[in-house]
Protein backbone atom coordinates (compact mmCIF):
# COMPACT_ATOMS: atom_id res chain seq x y z
CA UNK A 1 21.43 -18.01 -2.64
CA UNK A 2 19.55 -15.13 -1.12
CA UNK A 3 16.40 -15.78 -3.17
CA UNK A 4 13.16 -14.52 -1.74
CA UNK A 5 10.57 -16.62 0.05
CA UNK A 6 8.35 -17.24 -2.97
CA UNK A 7 5.59 -19.80 -2.54
CA UNK A 8 4.94 -21.69 -5.74
CA UNK A 9 1.88 -23.95 -5.54
CA UNK A 10 2.85 -26.93 -7.75
CA UNK A 11 -0.38 -28.80 -7.17
CA UNK A 12 -2.26 -25.91 -8.74
CA UNK A 13 0.31 -24.99 -11.37
CA UNK A 14 0.11 -27.96 -13.74
CA UNK A 15 -3.56 -27.55 -14.75
CA UNK A 16 -2.96 -23.88 -15.48
CA UNK A 17 -0.14 -24.61 -17.90
CA UNK A 18 -1.98 -27.17 -20.01
CA UNK A 19 -3.44 -25.56 -23.12
CA UNK A 20 -2.32 -22.03 -22.37
CA UNK A 21 -4.52 -19.73 -24.44
CA UNK A 22 -6.27 -17.16 -22.27
CA UNK A 23 -4.43 -13.92 -21.66
CA UNK A 24 -5.74 -13.30 -18.16
CA UNK A 25 -3.93 -12.57 -14.92
CA UNK A 26 -5.15 -12.22 -11.38
CA UNK A 27 -2.08 -11.31 -9.38
CA UNK A 28 -1.87 -11.78 -5.65
CA UNK A 29 -0.02 -8.47 -5.59
CA UNK A 30 -2.28 -6.31 -7.74
CA UNK A 31 -5.52 -5.95 -9.68
CA UNK A 32 -6.26 -7.85 -12.87
CA UNK A 33 -4.94 -6.08 -15.97
CA UNK A 34 -6.88 -5.27 -19.09
CA UNK A 35 -6.95 -7.88 -21.83
CA UNK A 36 -4.17 -7.80 -24.41
CA UNK A 37 -5.09 -5.36 -27.18
CA UNK A 38 -5.27 -6.88 -30.68
CA UNK A 39 -2.12 -6.35 -32.69
CA UNK A 40 0.06 -5.60 -29.66
CA UNK A 41 2.92 -7.59 -28.16
CA UNK A 42 1.94 -9.44 -24.97
CA UNK A 43 4.58 -8.68 -22.33
CA UNK A 44 4.86 -10.07 -18.81
CA UNK A 45 7.22 -8.47 -16.29
CA UNK A 46 7.96 -10.21 -13.03
CA UNK A 47 8.21 -6.84 -11.24
CA UNK A 48 6.32 -3.68 -12.13
CA UNK A 49 9.43 -1.51 -12.33
CA UNK A 50 10.49 -3.57 -15.34
CA UNK A 51 6.93 -3.54 -16.62
CA UNK A 52 6.87 0.24 -16.48
CA UNK A 53 10.02 0.49 -18.58
CA UNK A 54 8.53 -1.98 -21.07
CA UNK A 55 5.46 0.24 -21.35
CA UNK A 56 7.58 3.31 -22.01
CA UNK A 57 9.71 1.58 -24.65
CA UNK A 58 6.90 -0.35 -26.33
CA UNK A 59 4.32 2.43 -26.23
CA UNK A 60 1.08 1.70 -28.05
CA UNK A 61 2.50 -1.50 -29.52
CA UNK A 62 2.65 -3.50 -26.28
CA UNK A 63 0.24 -4.79 -23.64
CA UNK A 64 2.15 -5.20 -20.39
CA UNK A 65 1.22 -7.23 -17.32
CA UNK A 66 3.32 -6.96 -14.17
CA UNK A 67 3.13 -9.92 -11.82
CA UNK A 68 4.23 -8.08 -8.67
CA UNK A 69 2.74 -4.63 -8.56
CA UNK A 70 1.45 -3.85 -5.08
CA UNK A 71 3.83 -1.79 -2.90
CA UNK A 72 1.63 -2.47 0.14
CA UNK A 73 2.50 -6.17 0.20
CA UNK A 74 5.61 -8.12 1.06
CA UNK A 75 7.06 -9.23 -2.29
CA UNK A 76 8.95 -11.97 -0.44
CA UNK A 77 5.71 -13.80 0.24
CA UNK A 78 4.28 -13.67 -3.27
CA UNK A 79 2.24 -16.76 -4.14
CA UNK A 80 1.99 -17.75 -7.79
CA UNK A 81 -1.52 -18.43 -9.03
CA UNK A 82 -2.54 -20.59 -12.03
CA UNK A 83 -3.57 -17.48 -13.96
CA UNK A 84 -0.06 -16.06 -13.60
CA UNK A 85 1.35 -19.27 -15.09
CA UNK A 86 -1.17 -18.94 -17.93
CA UNK A 87 -0.18 -15.37 -18.65
CA UNK A 88 3.53 -16.12 -18.69
CA UNK A 89 2.96 -19.13 -20.90
CA UNK A 90 1.26 -17.01 -23.55
CA UNK A 91 3.59 -13.98 -23.45
CA UNK A 92 5.76 -13.04 -26.43
CA UNK A 93 8.24 -11.14 -24.23
CA UNK A 94 9.02 -11.85 -20.60
CA UNK A 95 11.32 -9.76 -18.42
CA UNK A 96 12.60 -10.88 -15.05
CA UNK A 97 15.27 -9.90 -12.58
CA UNK A 98 17.18 -13.15 -12.03
CA UNK A 99 19.71 -13.85 -9.23
CA UNK A 100 17.10 -16.00 -7.50
CA UNK A 101 14.83 -13.03 -6.92
CA UNK A 102 11.98 -14.33 -9.09
CA UNK A 103 12.75 -18.02 -9.59
CA UNK A 104 9.04 -18.73 -9.91
CA UNK A 105 9.31 -17.29 -13.42
CA UNK A 106 11.92 -19.88 -14.45
CA UNK A 107 9.78 -22.70 -13.10
CA UNK A 108 6.74 -21.57 -15.05
CA UNK A 109 8.74 -20.98 -18.24
CA UNK A 110 10.25 -24.46 -18.01
CA UNK A 111 6.82 -25.99 -17.48
CA UNK A 112 5.32 -24.13 -20.46
CA UNK A 113 7.92 -24.19 -23.29
CA UNK A 114 7.36 -21.59 -26.00
CA UNK A 115 9.99 -21.16 -28.70
CA UNK A 116 8.37 -17.86 -29.75
CA UNK A 117 8.79 -16.36 -26.27
CA UNK A 118 11.70 -13.99 -25.71
CA UNK A 119 12.93 -13.94 -22.11
CA UNK A 120 14.99 -10.97 -20.95
CA UNK A 121 16.76 -11.99 -17.75
CA UNK A 122 18.39 -8.88 -16.31
CA UNK A 123 21.05 -10.89 -14.49
CA UNK A 124 22.11 -12.45 -17.77
CA UNK A 125 21.80 -9.14 -19.59
CA UNK A 126 24.28 -7.60 -17.15
CA UNK A 127 26.53 -10.66 -17.15
CA UNK A 128 26.23 -11.19 -13.40
CA UNK A 129 27.07 -14.50 -11.69
CA UNK A 130 24.55 -16.41 -9.60
CA UNK A 131 26.67 -15.54 -6.54
CA UNK A 132 25.83 -11.82 -6.89
CA UNK A 133 24.92 -10.95 -3.27
CA UNK A 134 22.43 -8.15 -3.90
CA UNK A 135 19.54 -8.92 -6.28
CA UNK A 136 17.95 -5.44 -6.28
CA UNK A 137 19.39 -4.56 -9.68
CA UNK A 138 16.91 -1.82 -10.57
CA UNK A 139 18.48 0.50 -7.97
CA UNK A 140 21.76 0.43 -9.90
CA UNK A 141 21.81 3.49 -12.22
CA UNK A 142 23.50 1.47 -14.95
CA UNK A 143 20.80 -1.22 -15.18
CA UNK A 144 17.74 0.27 -16.85
CA UNK A 145 19.45 1.83 -19.89
CA UNK A 146 20.60 -1.67 -20.84
CA UNK A 147 17.14 -3.06 -20.12
CA UNK A 148 15.53 -0.39 -22.32
CA UNK A 149 17.85 -1.21 -25.21
CA UNK A 150 17.19 -4.94 -24.82
CA UNK A 151 13.43 -4.36 -24.80
CA UNK A 152 13.63 -2.19 -27.93
CA UNK A 153 15.56 -4.94 -29.71
CA UNK A 154 13.09 -7.62 -28.59
CA UNK A 155 10.09 -5.59 -29.70
CA UNK A 156 11.73 -4.72 -33.03
CA UNK A 157 12.33 -8.40 -33.74
CA UNK A 158 8.60 -9.02 -33.35
CA UNK A 159 7.48 -5.89 -35.22
CA UNK A 160 10.31 -4.95 -37.60
CA UNK A 161 8.26 -2.21 -39.20
CA UNK A 162 8.25 -0.30 -35.90
CA UNK A 163 11.96 -0.64 -35.17
CA UNK A 164 12.68 3.09 -35.21
CA UNK A 165 9.69 3.76 -32.96
CA UNK A 166 11.01 1.37 -30.31
CA UNK A 167 14.55 2.69 -30.60
CA UNK A 168 13.34 6.27 -30.30
CA UNK A 169 11.29 5.41 -27.21
CA UNK A 170 14.33 3.74 -25.63
CA UNK A 171 16.49 6.81 -26.32
CA UNK A 172 13.82 9.05 -24.80
CA UNK A 173 13.55 6.84 -21.73
CA UNK A 174 17.30 6.75 -21.16
CA UNK A 175 17.50 10.54 -21.46
CA UNK A 176 14.68 10.88 -18.92
CA UNK A 177 16.89 9.24 -16.30
CA UNK A 178 19.16 12.31 -16.25
CA UNK A 179 17.40 14.11 -13.35
CA UNK A 180 17.92 10.98 -11.20
CA UNK A 181 21.54 10.65 -12.24
CA UNK A 182 22.12 14.37 -11.58
CA UNK A 183 20.55 14.08 -8.11
CA UNK A 184 22.85 11.15 -7.32
CA UNK A 185 25.88 13.09 -8.57
CA UNK A 186 24.85 16.16 -6.58
CA UNK A 187 24.52 14.15 -3.38
CA UNK A 188 27.90 12.57 -3.97
CA UNK A 189 29.50 15.94 -4.66
CA UNK A 190 28.22 17.47 -1.41
CA UNK A 191 27.67 14.55 0.95
CA UNK A 192 30.02 11.72 -0.05
CA UNK A 193 30.99 9.59 2.91
CA UNK A 194 27.76 10.27 4.81
CA UNK A 195 27.27 7.33 7.22
CA UNK A 196 23.93 5.54 6.98
CA UNK A 197 22.36 2.37 8.35
CA UNK A 198 20.06 -0.06 6.52
CA UNK A 199 17.96 -3.14 7.20
CA UNK A 200 18.24 -4.86 3.80
CA UNK A 201 20.35 -4.13 0.72
CA UNK A 202 17.30 -2.90 -1.22
CA UNK A 203 18.78 0.49 -2.13
CA UNK A 204 22.45 -0.38 -1.62
CA UNK A 205 23.38 0.08 -5.29
CA UNK A 206 21.95 3.60 -5.24
CA UNK A 207 23.56 4.41 -1.89
CA UNK A 208 26.90 3.27 -3.26
CA UNK A 209 26.47 5.37 -6.41
CA UNK A 210 25.66 8.39 -4.21
CA UNK A 211 28.80 7.88 -2.16
CA UNK A 212 27.02 7.09 1.11
CA UNK A 213 28.88 4.96 3.66
CA UNK A 214 26.64 2.07 4.73
CA UNK A 215 27.80 1.06 8.23
CA UNK A 216 25.42 -1.89 8.52
CA UNK A 217 27.39 -5.10 7.87
CA UNK A 218 26.23 -6.91 4.75
CA UNK A 219 25.84 -10.17 6.69
CA UNK A 220 23.18 -8.43 8.79
CA UNK A 221 21.42 -7.10 5.69
CA UNK A 222 21.51 -10.54 4.08
CA UNK A 223 20.03 -12.15 7.19
CA UNK A 224 17.13 -9.71 7.22
CA UNK A 225 16.61 -10.11 3.46
CA UNK A 226 16.55 -13.90 3.75
CA UNK A 227 14.28 -14.03 6.79
CA UNK A 228 17.07 -15.27 9.05
CA UNK A 229 17.44 -14.01 12.61
CA UNK A 230 20.62 -11.93 12.75
CA UNK A 231 23.12 -12.70 15.49
CA UNK A 232 22.79 -10.89 18.83
CA UNK A 233 26.17 -9.31 18.16
CA UNK A 234 24.97 -7.82 14.87
CA UNK A 235 21.72 -6.63 16.43
CA UNK A 236 23.74 -4.89 19.12
CA UNK A 237 26.06 -3.37 16.53
CA UNK A 238 23.10 -2.10 14.50
CA UNK A 239 21.41 -0.60 17.56
CA UNK A 240 24.64 1.12 18.51
CA UNK A 241 24.69 2.96 15.19
CA UNK A 242 21.67 4.89 16.46
CA UNK A 243 22.32 5.14 20.20
CA UNK A 244 25.91 6.23 19.59
CA UNK A 245 24.84 8.69 16.87
CA UNK A 246 27.10 7.14 14.24
CA UNK A 247 24.75 7.53 11.27
CA UNK A 248 22.90 10.40 9.60
CA UNK A 249 20.02 8.37 8.13
CA UNK A 250 18.34 4.98 8.44
CA UNK A 251 17.18 3.30 5.24
CA UNK A 252 14.74 0.41 5.69
CA UNK A 253 12.59 -1.79 3.46
CA UNK A 254 9.18 -0.15 3.74
CA UNK A 255 7.43 -3.24 2.35
CA UNK A 256 8.93 -5.75 4.76
CA UNK A 257 8.77 -4.72 8.41
CA UNK A 258 8.58 -6.76 11.58
CA UNK A 259 9.17 -6.34 15.29
CA UNK A 260 12.93 -6.12 14.86
CA UNK A 261 12.67 -3.50 12.13
CA UNK A 262 10.30 -1.47 14.28
CA UNK A 263 12.80 -1.66 17.13
CA UNK A 264 15.42 -0.07 14.89
CA UNK A 265 12.99 2.55 13.62
CA UNK A 266 12.21 3.50 17.21
CA UNK A 267 15.89 3.59 18.11
CA UNK A 268 16.57 5.85 15.14
CA UNK A 269 13.72 8.17 16.03
CA UNK A 270 14.83 8.35 19.67
CA UNK A 271 18.30 9.32 18.46
CA UNK A 272 16.80 11.89 16.05
CA UNK A 273 18.10 9.96 13.04
CA UNK A 274 15.75 10.47 10.05
CA UNK A 275 14.28 7.31 8.55
CA UNK A 276 13.77 6.56 4.86
CA UNK A 277 11.41 3.89 3.62
CA UNK A 278 12.49 2.39 0.29
CA UNK A 279 10.54 0.00 -1.90
CA UNK A 280 11.18 -3.20 -3.81
CA UNK A 281 8.07 -2.72 -5.94
CA UNK A 282 7.41 0.59 -7.70
CA UNK A 283 4.75 2.56 -5.79
CA UNK A 284 1.56 2.95 -7.78
CA UNK A 285 -0.27 4.92 -8.93
CA UNK A 286 1.51 8.17 -9.63
CA UNK A 287 5.04 7.00 -10.33
CA UNK A 288 7.12 5.98 -13.28
CA UNK A 289 10.39 4.16 -12.77
CA UNK A 290 12.39 7.35 -13.19
CA UNK A 291 10.20 9.51 -10.92
CA UNK A 292 10.29 6.77 -8.26
CA UNK A 293 14.08 6.57 -8.29
CA UNK A 294 14.34 10.36 -8.17
CA UNK A 295 11.97 10.45 -5.19
CA UNK A 296 14.17 7.96 -3.33
CA UNK A 297 17.29 10.08 -3.84
CA UNK A 298 15.40 13.23 -2.85
CA UNK A 299 14.33 11.47 0.35
CA UNK A 300 17.97 10.65 1.10
CA UNK A 301 18.94 14.26 0.43
CA UNK A 302 16.20 15.61 2.71
CA UNK A 303 17.23 13.22 5.47
CA UNK A 304 20.89 14.17 5.39
CA UNK A 305 20.55 17.89 4.66
CA UNK A 306 17.40 18.73 6.60
CA UNK A 307 16.87 15.86 9.04
CA UNK A 308 13.51 15.05 7.44
CA UNK A 309 12.12 11.51 7.52
CA UNK A 310 10.31 9.98 4.54
CA UNK A 311 8.72 6.76 5.74
CA UNK A 312 6.62 6.35 2.60
CA UNK A 313 6.36 7.96 -0.80
């Protein structure tokens, strides 16, 4: 499984789970959130893109904490703290990606059973097998509408008197995705088949929806994603995409760069191939999920149409 390199500190986890009562989180990937407001539903999202959608659907009736929320850190090296375990243990609604991407959530949930806790696992919500090769589900345009509906249903079960409020918020959120969907459709209509290169499959679902032709072999992307050294043959093939001017854009994981990634960035720049930095964690502040996704498509459009690089949002 291509699960990320999450470090779970078991020797520190057990004491945090005993007697879970405090609603406090100090995340290694972001600042501590405000305390849960009285009368609201305590929600914990493994990733802040899901947390943002929960905030939009739940509105004033939820208090959301996102475990991973710092776009300036490598989400692959996230280390779970006791306070994170405490927060998850006391949440009424938990939302996580699945497919091995955030297995630390499952471990904490198993260690702190709570029959009143509703867990929304996006992998299960979409009916995807464990063998699904690309875990970056939030880049798939079909994912978040289903997540929004599932969140509305979960919140309504906890606060039945506000059912219509949650449903209305979900409808509004889904409609607000239209500019992103239109940008994807526009790119596909005018630039389908555009060859691109990538480091990891972070934005592959979106690239596929836009009709781009990713020439980087998936085995190479999987190696980079899993922290495995790709074969010399694949490194040579990837480099050749730039030196032989076979691609129109280079899409790389802006949050996870190393010497090899920098080598490819330099090769792309030397070949006058625009580079696009994409994110696993929603950039904050200043973005919502939908504005973030739209910005990523706009960056792809600018790269292909105008030769403009967007290394960071």
